[in-house]
PDB file of N, CA and C in Angstrom:
ATOM      1  N   MET A   1      56.581 -57.052-126.301  1.00  0.00           N
ATOM      2  CA  MET A   1      56.631 -57.756-125.041  1.00  0.00           C
ATOM      3  C   MET A   1      55.194 -57.977-124.579  1.00  0.00           C
ATOM      4  N   ASP A   2      54.939 -59.192-124.093  1.00  0.00           N
ATOM      5  CA  ASP A   2      53.611 -59.550-123.606  1.00  0.00           C
ATOM      6  C   ASP A   2      53.680 -59.956-122.147  1.00  0.00           C
ATOM      7  N   LEU A   3      52.620 -59.671-121.432  1.00  0.00           N
ATOM      8  CA  LEU A   3      52.497 -60.054-120.035  1.00  0.00           C
ATOM      9  C   LEU A   3      51.309 -60.991-119.920  1.00  0.00           C
ATOM     10  N   VAL A   4      51.505 -62.138-119.294  1.00  0.00           N
ATOM     11  CA  VAL A   4      50.419 -63.065-118.999  1.00  0.00           C
ATOM     12  C   VAL A   4      50.614 -63.615-117.599  1.00  0.00           C
ATOM     13  N   ALA A   5      49.515 -64.022-116.991  1.00  0.00           N
ATOM     14  CA  ALA A   5      49.562 -64.712-115.704  1.00  0.00           C
ATOM     15  C   ALA A   5      49.014 -66.113-115.927  1.00  0.00           C
ATOM     16  N   ILE A   6      49.547 -67.050-115.180  1.00  0.00           N
ATOM     17  CA  ILE A   6      49.076 -68.430-115.273  1.00  0.00           C
ATOM     18  C   ILE A   6      48.677 -68.870-113.873  1.00  0.00           C
ATOM     19  N   SER A   7      47.467 -69.413-113.780  1.00  0.00           N
ATOM     20  CA  SER A   7      46.920 -69.859-112.511  1.00  0.00           C
ATOM     21  C   SER A   7      46.671 -71.359-112.560  1.00  0.00           C
ATOM     22  N   VAL A   8      46.921 -72.066-111.451  1.00  0.00           N
ATOM     23  CA  VAL A   8      46.628 -73.494-111.424  1.00  0.00           C
ATOM     24  C   VAL A   8      45.145 -73.768-111.167  1.00  0.00           C
ATOM     25  N   ASP A   9      44.360 -72.728-111.113  1.00  0.00           N
ATOM     26  CA  ASP A   9      42.920 -72.874-110.944  1.00  0.00           C
ATOM     27  C   ASP A   9      42.264 -73.206-112.277  1.00  0.00           C
ATOM     28  N   ASP A  10      40.999 -73.614-112.216  1.00  0.00           N
ATOM     29  CA  ASP A  10      40.283 -73.831-113.470  1.00  0.00           C
ATOM     30  C   ASP A  10      39.984 -72.482-114.115  1.00  0.00           C
ATOM     31  N   ARG A  11      39.545 -72.522-115.362  1.00  0.00           N
ATOM     32  CA  ARG A  11      39.362 -71.297-116.156  1.00  0.00           C
ATOM     33  C   ARG A  11      38.390 -70.317-115.491  1.00  0.00           C
ATOM     34  N   THR A  12      37.285 -70.824-114.972  1.00  0.00           N
ATOM     35  CA  THR A  12      36.285 -69.948-114.351  1.00  0.00           C
ATOM     36  C   THR A  12      36.884 -69.196-113.174  1.00  0.00           C
ATOM     37  N   TYR A  13      37.561 -69.900-112.273  1.00  0.00           N
ATOM     38  CA  TYR A  13      38.138 -69.260-111.097  1.00  0.00           C
ATOM     39  C   TYR A  13      39.279 -68.325-111.491  1.00  0.00           C
ATOM     40  N   ALA A  14      40.089 -68.723-112.459  1.00  0.00           N
ATOM     41  CA  ALA A  14      41.186 -67.866-112.914  1.00  0.00           C
ATOM     42  C   ALA A  14      40.633 -66.539-113.451  1.00  0.00           C
ATOM     43  N   LEU A  15      39.544 -66.603-114.216  1.00  0.00           N
ATOM     44  CA  LEU A  15      38.942 -65.378-114.750  1.00  0.00           C
ATOM     45  C   LEU A  15      38.313 -64.538-113.643  1.00  0.00           C
ATOM     46  N   GLN A  16      37.726 -65.184-112.641  1.00  0.00           N
ATOM     47  CA  GLN A  16      37.167 -64.441-111.502  1.00  0.00           C
ATOM     48  C   GLN A  16      38.267 -63.703-110.756  1.00  0.00           C
ATOM     49  N   MET A  17      39.408 -64.368-110.545  1.00  0.00           N
ATOM     50  CA  MET A  17      40.523 -63.717-109.853  1.00  0.00           C
ATOM     51  C   MET A  17      41.076 -62.562-110.676  1.00  0.00           C
ATOM     52  N   ALA A  18      41.159 -62.738-111.989  1.00  0.00           N
ATOM     53  CA  ALA A  18      41.638 -61.663-112.864  1.00  0.00           C
ATOM     54  C   ALA A  18      40.723 -60.452-112.739  1.00  0.00           C
ATOM     55  N   ASP A  19      39.429 -60.706-112.710  1.00  0.00           N
ATOM     56  CA  ASP A  19      38.462 -59.620-112.565  1.00  0.00           C
ATOM     57  C   ASP A  19      38.597 -58.962-111.200  1.00  0.00           C
ATOM     58  N   LEU A  20      38.759 -59.768-110.153  1.00  0.00           N
ATOM     59  CA  LEU A  20      38.875 -59.252-108.789  1.00  0.00           C
ATOM     60  C   LEU A  20      40.072 -58.319-108.629  1.00  0.00           C
ATOM     61  N   VAL A  21      41.207 -58.681-109.219  1.00  0.00           N
ATOM     62  CA  VAL A  21      42.409 -57.859-109.081  1.00  0.00           C
ATOM     63  C   VAL A  21      42.528 -56.796-110.175  1.00  0.00           C
ATOM     64  N   GLY A  22      41.582 -56.790-111.122  1.00  0.00           N
ATOM     65  CA  GLY A  22      41.612 -55.795-112.187  1.00  0.00           C
ATOM     66  C   GLY A  22      42.723 -56.017-113.194  1.00  0.00           C
ATOM     67  N   ALA A  23      43.055 -57.272-113.451  1.00  0.00           N
ATOM     68  CA  ALA A  23      44.134 -57.576-114.393  1.00  0.00           C
ATOM     69  C   ALA A  23      43.759 -57.094-115.789  1.00  0.00           C
ATOM     70  N   ASP A  24      44.655 -56.344-116.404  1.00  0.00           N
ATOM     71  CA  ASP A  24      44.428 -55.890-117.784  1.00  0.00           C
ATOM     72  C   ASP A  24      45.331 -56.665-118.751  1.00  0.00           C
ATOM     73  N   TYR A  25      45.620 -57.891-118.382  1.00  0.00           N
ATOM     74  CA  TYR A  25      46.435 -58.811-119.177  1.00  0.00           C
ATOM     75  C   TYR A  25      45.765 -60.185-119.089  1.00  0.00           C
ATOM     76  N   PRO A  26      46.083 -61.066-120.009  1.00  0.00           N
ATOM     77  CA  PRO A  26      45.459 -62.396-119.981  1.00  0.00           C
ATOM     78  C   PRO A  26      45.857 -63.191-118.737  1.00  0.00           C
ATOM     79  N   VAL A  27      44.888 -63.890-118.167  1.00  0.00           N
ATOM     80  CA  VAL A  27      45.144 -64.836-117.086  1.00  0.00           C
ATOM     81  C   VAL A  27      44.726 -66.203-117.619  1.00  0.00           C
ATOM     82  N   LEU A  28      45.704 -67.082-117.743  1.00  0.00           N
ATOM     83  CA  LEU A  28      45.484 -68.403-118.318  1.00  0.00           C
ATOM     84  C   LEU A  28      45.320 -69.445-117.215  1.00  0.00           C
ATOM     85  N   ALA A  29      44.491 -70.441-117.478  1.00  0.00           N
ATOM     86  CA  ALA A  29      44.257 -71.502-116.503  1.00  0.00           C
ATOM     87  C   ALA A  29      45.182 -72.685-116.786  1.00  0.00           C
ATOM     88  N   ASP A  30      45.768 -73.217-115.731  1.00  0.00           N
ATOM     89  CA  ASP A  30      46.632 -74.393-115.805  1.00  0.00           C
ATOM     90  C   ASP A  30      46.106 -75.425-114.804  1.00  0.00           C
ATOM     91  N   ALA A  31      44.831 -75.761-114.937  1.00  0.00           N
ATOM     92  CA  ALA A  31      44.176 -76.653-113.968  1.00  0.00           C
ATOM     93  C   ALA A  31      44.831 -78.029-113.917  1.00  0.00           C
ATOM     94  N   THR A  32      45.463 -78.463-114.992  1.00  0.00           N
ATOM     95  CA  THR A  32      46.145 -79.758-114.984  1.00  0.00           C
ATOM     96  C   THR A  32      47.541 -79.663-114.382  1.00  0.00           C
ATOM     97  N   ARG A  33      47.991 -78.453-114.118  1.00  0.00           N
ATOM     98  CA  ARG A  33      49.320 -78.167-113.547  1.00  0.00           C
ATOM     99  C   ARG A  33      50.461 -78.490-114.495  1.00  0.00           C
ATOM    100  N   TYR A  34      50.163 -78.721-115.743  1.00  0.00           N
ATOM    101  CA  TYR A  34      51.176 -79.079-116.737  1.00  0.00           C
ATOM    102  C   TYR A  34      52.273 -78.021-116.827  1.00  0.00           C
ATOM    103  N   VAL A  35      51.869 -76.764-116.990  1.00  0.00           N
ATOM    104  CA  VAL A  35      52.849 -75.678-117.157  1.00  0.00           C
ATOM    105  C   VAL A  35      53.638 -75.455-115.871  1.00  0.00           C
ATOM    106  N   SER A  36      52.942 -75.401-114.746  1.00  0.00           N
ATOM    107  CA  SER A  36      53.656 -75.137-113.488  1.00  0.00           C
ATOM    108  C   SER A  36      54.618 -76.267-113.130  1.00  0.00           C
ATOM    109  N   GLU A  37      54.286 -77.498-113.509  1.00  0.00           N
ATOM    110  CA  GLU A  37      55.213 -78.597-113.252  1.00  0.00           C
ATOM    111  C   GLU A  37      56.426 -78.528-114.180  1.00  0.00           C
ATOM    112  N   ILE A  38      56.203 -78.194-115.456  1.00  0.00           N
ATOM    113  CA  ILE A  38      57.330 -78.074-116.392  1.00  0.00           C
ATOM    114  C   ILE A  38      58.287 -76.957-115.958  1.00  0.00           C
ATOM    115  N   TYR A  39      57.741 -75.848-115.466  1.00  0.00           N
ATOM    116  CA  TYR A  39      58.588 -74.748-115.015  1.00  0.00           C
ATOM    117  C   TYR A  39      59.146 -74.984-113.611  1.00  0.00           C
ATOM    118  N   GLY A  40      58.769 -76.093-112.994  1.00  0.00           N
ATOM    119  CA  GLY A  40      59.351 -76.460-111.706  1.00  0.00           C
ATOM    120  C   GLY A  40      58.878 -75.647-110.526  1.00  0.00           C
ATOM    121  N   VAL A  41      57.661 -75.127-110.580  1.00  0.00           N
ATOM    122  CA  VAL A  41      57.173 -74.288-109.484  1.00  0.00           C
ATOM    123  C   VAL A  41      55.968 -74.880-108.757  1.00  0.00           C
ATOM    124  N   TYR A  42      55.504 -76.055-109.187  1.00  0.00           N
ATOM    125  CA  TYR A  42      54.322 -76.627-108.542  1.00  0.00           C
ATOM    126  C   TYR A  42      54.677 -77.262-107.199  1.00  0.00           C
ATOM    127  N   ASP A  43      53.923 -76.902-106.176  1.00  0.00           N
ATOM    128  CA  ASP A  43      53.987 -77.474-104.830  1.00  0.00           C
ATOM    129  C   ASP A  43      55.347 -77.315-104.150  1.00  0.00           C
ATOM    130  N   LEU A  44      56.076 -76.299-104.503  1.00  0.00           N
ATOM    131  CA  LEU A  44      57.371 -76.056-103.837  1.00  0.00           C
ATOM    132  C   LEU A  44      57.194 -75.692-102.373  1.00  0.00           C
ATOM    133  N   LEU A  45      56.053 -75.095-102.041  1.00  0.00           N
ATOM    134  CA  LEU A  45      55.806 -74.655-100.670  1.00  0.00           C
ATOM    135  C   LEU A  45      54.921 -75.651 -99.925  1.00  0.00           C
ATOM    136  N   ASN A  46      54.768 -76.859-100.505  1.00  0.00           N
ATOM    137  CA  ASN A  46      53.944 -77.919 -99.904  1.00  0.00           C
ATOM    138  C   ASN A  46      52.508 -77.481 -99.656  1.00  0.00           C
ATOM    139  N   ASP A  47      51.947 -76.766-100.649  1.00  0.00           N
ATOM    140  CA  ASP A  47      50.574 -76.278-100.510  1.00  0.00           C
ATOM    141  C   ASP A  47      49.682 -76.665-101.693  1.00  0.00           C
ATOM    142  N   LYS A  48      50.179 -77.538-102.544  1.00  0.00           N
ATOM    143  CA  LYS A  48      49.435 -78.057-103.704  1.00  0.00           C
ATOM    144  C   LYS A  48      49.021 -76.982-104.711  1.00  0.00           C
ATOM    145  N   VAL A  49      49.760 -75.890-104.761  1.00  0.00           N
ATOM    146  CA  VAL A  49      49.599 -74.861-105.795  1.00  0.00           C
ATOM    147  C   VAL A  49      50.983 -74.478-106.295  1.00  0.00           C
ATOM    148  N   ALA A  50      51.022 -73.713-107.341  1.00  0.00           N
ATOM    149  CA  ALA A  50      52.306 -73.233-107.855  1.00  0.00           C
ATOM    150  C   ALA A  50      52.832 -72.130-106.948  1.00  0.00           C
ATOM    151  N   ALA A  51      54.113 -72.179-106.672  1.00  0.00           N
ATOM    152  CA  ALA A  51      54.740 -71.092-105.921  1.00  0.00           C
ATOM    153  C   ALA A  51      54.660 -69.832-106.771  1.00  0.00           C
ATOM    154  N   PRO A  52      54.470 -68.677-106.143  1.00  0.00           N
ATOM    155  CA  PRO A  52      54.494 -67.445-106.931  1.00  0.00           C
ATOM    156  C   PRO A  52      55.835 -67.350-107.667  1.00  0.00           C
ATOM    157  N   ALA A  53      55.768 -67.122-108.946  1.00  0.00           N
ATOM    158  CA  ALA A  53      56.992 -67.063-109.747  1.00  0.00           C
ATOM    159  C   ALA A  53      56.822 -66.064-110.874  1.00  0.00           C
ATOM    160  N   THR A  54      57.914 -65.441-111.240  1.00  0.00           N
ATOM    161  CA  THR A  54      57.937 -64.496-112.351  1.00  0.00           C
ATOM    162  C   THR A  54      59.035 -64.938-113.302  1.00  0.00           C
ATOM    163  N   PHE A  55      58.700 -65.027-114.571  1.00  0.00           N
ATOM    164  CA  PHE A  55      59.659 -65.416-115.596  1.00  0.00           C
ATOM    165  C   PHE A  55      59.692 -64.358-116.678  1.00  0.00           C
ATOM    166  N   ILE A  56      60.882 -64.039-117.145  1.00  0.00           N
ATOM    167  CA  ILE A  56      61.045 -63.244-118.360  1.00  0.00           C
ATOM    168  C   ILE A  56      61.561 -64.226-119.398  1.00  0.00           C
ATOM    169  N   ILE A  57      60.788 -64.388-120.459  1.00  0.00           N
ATOM    170  CA  ILE A  57      61.097 -65.389-121.478  1.00  0.00           C
ATOM    171  C   ILE A  57      61.430 -64.680-122.782  1.00  0.00           C
ATOM    172  N   ARG A  58      62.559 -65.025-123.331  1.00  0.00           N
ATOM    173  CA  ARG A  58      62.994 -64.435-124.601  1.00  0.00           C
ATOM    174  C   ARG A  58      62.098 -64.923-125.741  1.00  0.00           C
ATOM    175  N   PRO A  59      62.080 -64.185-126.866  1.00  0.00           N
ATOM    176  CA  PRO A  59      61.263 -64.615-128.016  1.00  0.00           C
ATOM    177  C   PRO A  59      61.572 -66.026-128.500  1.00  0.00           C
ATOM    178  N   ASN A  60      62.797 -66.502-128.270  1.00  0.00           N
ATOM    179  CA  ASN A  60      63.156 -67.852-128.704  1.00  0.00           C
ATOM    180  C   ASN A  60      62.695 -68.929-127.713  1.00  0.00           C
ATOM    181  N   GLY A  61      62.002 -68.518-126.634  1.00  0.00           N
ATOM    182  CA  GLY A  61      61.471 -69.464-125.658  1.00  0.00           C
ATOM    183  C   GLY A  61      62.379 -69.744-124.477  1.00  0.00           C
ATOM    184  N   ARG A  62      63.585 -69.217-124.493  1.00  0.00           N
ATOM    185  CA  ARG A  62      64.516 -69.440-123.374  1.00  0.00           C
ATOM    186  C   ARG A  62      64.198 -68.488-122.216  1.00  0.00           C
ATOM    187  N   ILE A  63      64.368 -68.999-121.017  1.00  0.00           N
ATOM    188  CA  ILE A  63      64.146 -68.171-119.831  1.00  0.00           C
ATOM    189  C   ILE A  63      65.360 -67.268-119.652  1.00  0.00           C
ATOM    190  N   ALA A  64      65.110 -65.968-119.624  1.00  0.00           N
ATOM    191  CA  ALA A  64      66.186 -64.995-119.460  1.00  0.00           C
ATOM    192  C   ALA A  64      66.385 -64.616-117.993  1.00  0.00           C
ATOM    193  N   TRP A  65      65.310 -64.695-117.222  1.00  0.00           N
ATOM    194  CA  TRP A  65      65.365 -64.332-115.800  1.00  0.00           C
ATOM    195  C   TRP A  65      64.167 -64.952-115.118  1.00  0.00           C
ATOM    196  N   ARG A  66      64.355 -65.323-113.856  1.00  0.00           N
ATOM    197  CA  ARG A  66      63.224 -65.843-113.103  1.00  0.00           C
ATOM    198  C   ARG A  66      63.376 -65.529-111.630  1.00  0.00           C
ATOM    199  N   HIS A  67      62.252 -65.418-110.986  1.00  0.00           N
ATOM    200  CA  HIS A  67      62.202 -65.257-109.532  1.00  0.00           C
ATOM    201  C   HIS A  67      61.136 -66.230-109.040  1.00  0.00           C
ATOM    202  N   VAL A  68      61.548 -67.194-108.221  1.00  0.00           N
ATOM    203  CA  VAL A  68      60.619 -68.159-107.648  1.00  0.00           C
ATOM    204  C   VAL A  68      60.560 -67.889-106.148  1.00  0.00           C
ATOM    205  N   ALA A  69      59.356 -67.678-105.661  1.00  0.00           N
ATOM    206  CA  ALA A  69      59.158 -67.269-104.267  1.00  0.00           C
ATOM    207  C   ALA A  69      59.541 -68.359-103.275  1.00  0.00           C
ATOM    208  N   GLU A  70      60.047 -67.910-102.136  1.00  0.00           N
ATOM    209  CA  GLU A  70      60.333 -68.819-101.023  1.00  0.00           C
ATOM    210  C   GLU A  70      59.170 -68.874-100.041  1.00  0.00           C
ATOM    211  N   ASP A  71      58.243 -67.914-100.152  1.00  0.00           N
ATOM    212  CA  ASP A  71      56.979 -67.949 -99.421  1.00  0.00           C
ATOM    213  C   ASP A  71      55.977 -67.115-100.221  1.00  0.00           C
ATOM    214  N   ILE A  72      54.716 -67.114 -99.832  1.00  0.00           N
ATOM    215  CA  ILE A  72      53.712 -66.495-100.694  1.00  0.00           C
ATOM    216  C   ILE A  72      53.818 -64.963-100.776  1.00  0.00           C
ATOM    217  N   THR A  73      54.563 -64.363 -99.877  1.00  0.00           N
ATOM    218  CA  THR A  73      54.728 -62.910 -99.931  1.00  0.00           C
ATOM    219  C   THR A  73      55.985 -62.485-100.681  1.00  0.00           C
ATOM    220  N   ASP A  74      56.797 -63.429-101.079  1.00  0.00           N
ATOM    221  CA  ASP A  74      58.075 -63.162-101.753  1.00  0.00           C
ATOM    222  C   ASP A  74      57.834 -62.934-103.238  1.00  0.00           C
ATOM    223  N   ARG A  75      57.629 -61.689-103.595  1.00  0.00           N
ATOM    224  CA  ARG A  75      57.355 -61.350-104.990  1.00  0.00           C
ATOM    225  C   ARG A  75      58.163 -60.114-105.389  1.00  0.00           C
ATOM    226  N   PRO A  76      58.725 -60.124-106.589  1.00  0.00           N
ATOM    227  CA  PRO A  76      59.457 -58.926-107.025  1.00  0.00           C
ATOM    228  C   PRO A  76      58.483 -57.789-107.294  1.00  0.00           C
ATOM    229  N   THR A  77      58.965 -56.578-107.097  1.00  0.00           N
ATOM    230  CA  THR A  77      58.133 -55.410-107.402  1.00  0.00           C
ATOM    231  C   THR A  77      58.131 -55.174-108.914  1.00  0.00           C
ATOM    232  N   SER A  78      57.190 -54.385-109.358  1.00  0.00           N
ATOM    233  CA  SER A  78      57.160 -54.018-110.777  1.00  0.00           C
ATOM    234  C   SER A  78      58.465 -53.350-111.177  1.00  0.00           C
ATOM    235  N   SER A  79      58.990 -52.499-110.315  1.00  0.00           N
ATOM    236  CA  SER A  79      60.251 -51.807-110.603  1.00  0.00           C
ATOM    237  C   SER A  79      61.406 -52.796-110.767  1.00  0.00           C
ATOM    238  N   GLU A  80      61.446 -53.816-109.932  1.00  0.00           N
ATOM    239  CA  GLU A  80      62.508 -54.823-110.031  1.00  0.00           C
ATOM    240  C   GLU A  80      62.400 -55.596-111.350  1.00  0.00           C
ATOM    241  N   ILE A  81      61.184 -55.936-111.733  1.00  0.00           N
ATOM    242  CA  ILE A  81      60.987 -56.661-112.990  1.00  0.00           C
ATOM    243  C   ILE A  81      61.375 -55.784-114.172  1.00  0.00           C
ATOM    244  N   LEU A  82      60.943 -54.539-114.162  1.00  0.00           N
ATOM    245  CA  LEU A  82      61.290 -53.622-115.259  1.00  0.00           C
ATOM    246  C   LEU A  82      62.790 -53.379-115.333  1.00  0.00           C
ATOM    247  N   ALA A  83      63.460 -53.322-114.183  1.00  0.00           N
ATOM    248  CA  ALA A  83      64.917 -53.153-114.171  1.00  0.00           C
ATOM    249  C   ALA A  83      65.591 -54.356-114.821  1.00  0.00           C
ATOM    250  N   GLU A  84      65.081 -55.553-114.566  1.00  0.00           N
ATOM    251  CA  GLU A  84      65.644 -56.761-115.198  1.00  0.00           C
ATOM    252  C   GLU A  84      65.426 -56.725-116.717  1.00  0.00           C
ATOM    253  N   ILE A  85      64.250 -56.294-117.135  1.00  0.00           N
ATOM    254  CA  ILE A  85      63.988 -56.186-118.576  1.00  0.00           C
ATOM    255  C   ILE A  85      64.943 -55.189-119.200  1.00  0.00           C
ATOM    256  N   ASP A  86      65.105 -54.036-118.562  1.00  0.00           N
ATOM    257  CA  ASP A  86      66.052 -53.029-119.072  1.00  0.00           C
ATOM    258  C   ASP A  86      67.461 -53.596-119.168  1.00  0.00           C
ATOM    259  N   ARG A  87      67.881 -54.327-118.139  1.00  0.00           N
ATOM    260  CA  ARG A  87      69.223 -54.919-118.123  1.00  0.00           C
ATOM    261  C   ARG A  87      69.386 -55.918-119.269  1.00  0.00           C
ATOM    262  N   LEU A  88      68.337 -56.681-119.534  1.00  0.00           N
ATOM    263  CA  LEU A  88      68.413 -57.718-120.565  1.00  0.00           C
ATOM    264  C   LEU A  88      68.437 -57.149-121.993  1.00  0.00           C
ATOM    265  N   ILE A  89      67.838 -55.974-122.183  1.00  0.00           N
ATOM    266  CA  ILE A  89      67.795 -55.424-123.549  1.00  0.00           C
ATOM    267  C   ILE A  89      68.946 -54.464-123.828  1.00  0.00           C
ATOM    268  N   GLU A  90      69.769 -54.203-122.853  1.00  0.00           N
ATOM    269  CA  GLU A  90      70.911 -53.302-123.076  1.00  0.00           C
ATOM    270  C   GLU A  90      71.984 -53.980-123.894  1.00  0.00           C
TER     271      GLU A  90
END
């Protein structure tokens, strides 16, 4: 299982944010918004950025679970995400 974050910022800013928060996982830049638009999370909150979203993607590329925020503070906890992973592998 791999964990990555995707930011709609350019690569330099995405790496600065990863450093600021101490991310020990890859943070990828999506400055063209290609990925966030395909996943349907770009500008949902009318703020010209991707809504905070968490996806669990199966090895075959299918989305097994997702949480798309209704506001910028709406984020699942690590425990909630791990519980979903446990549920999916049972």
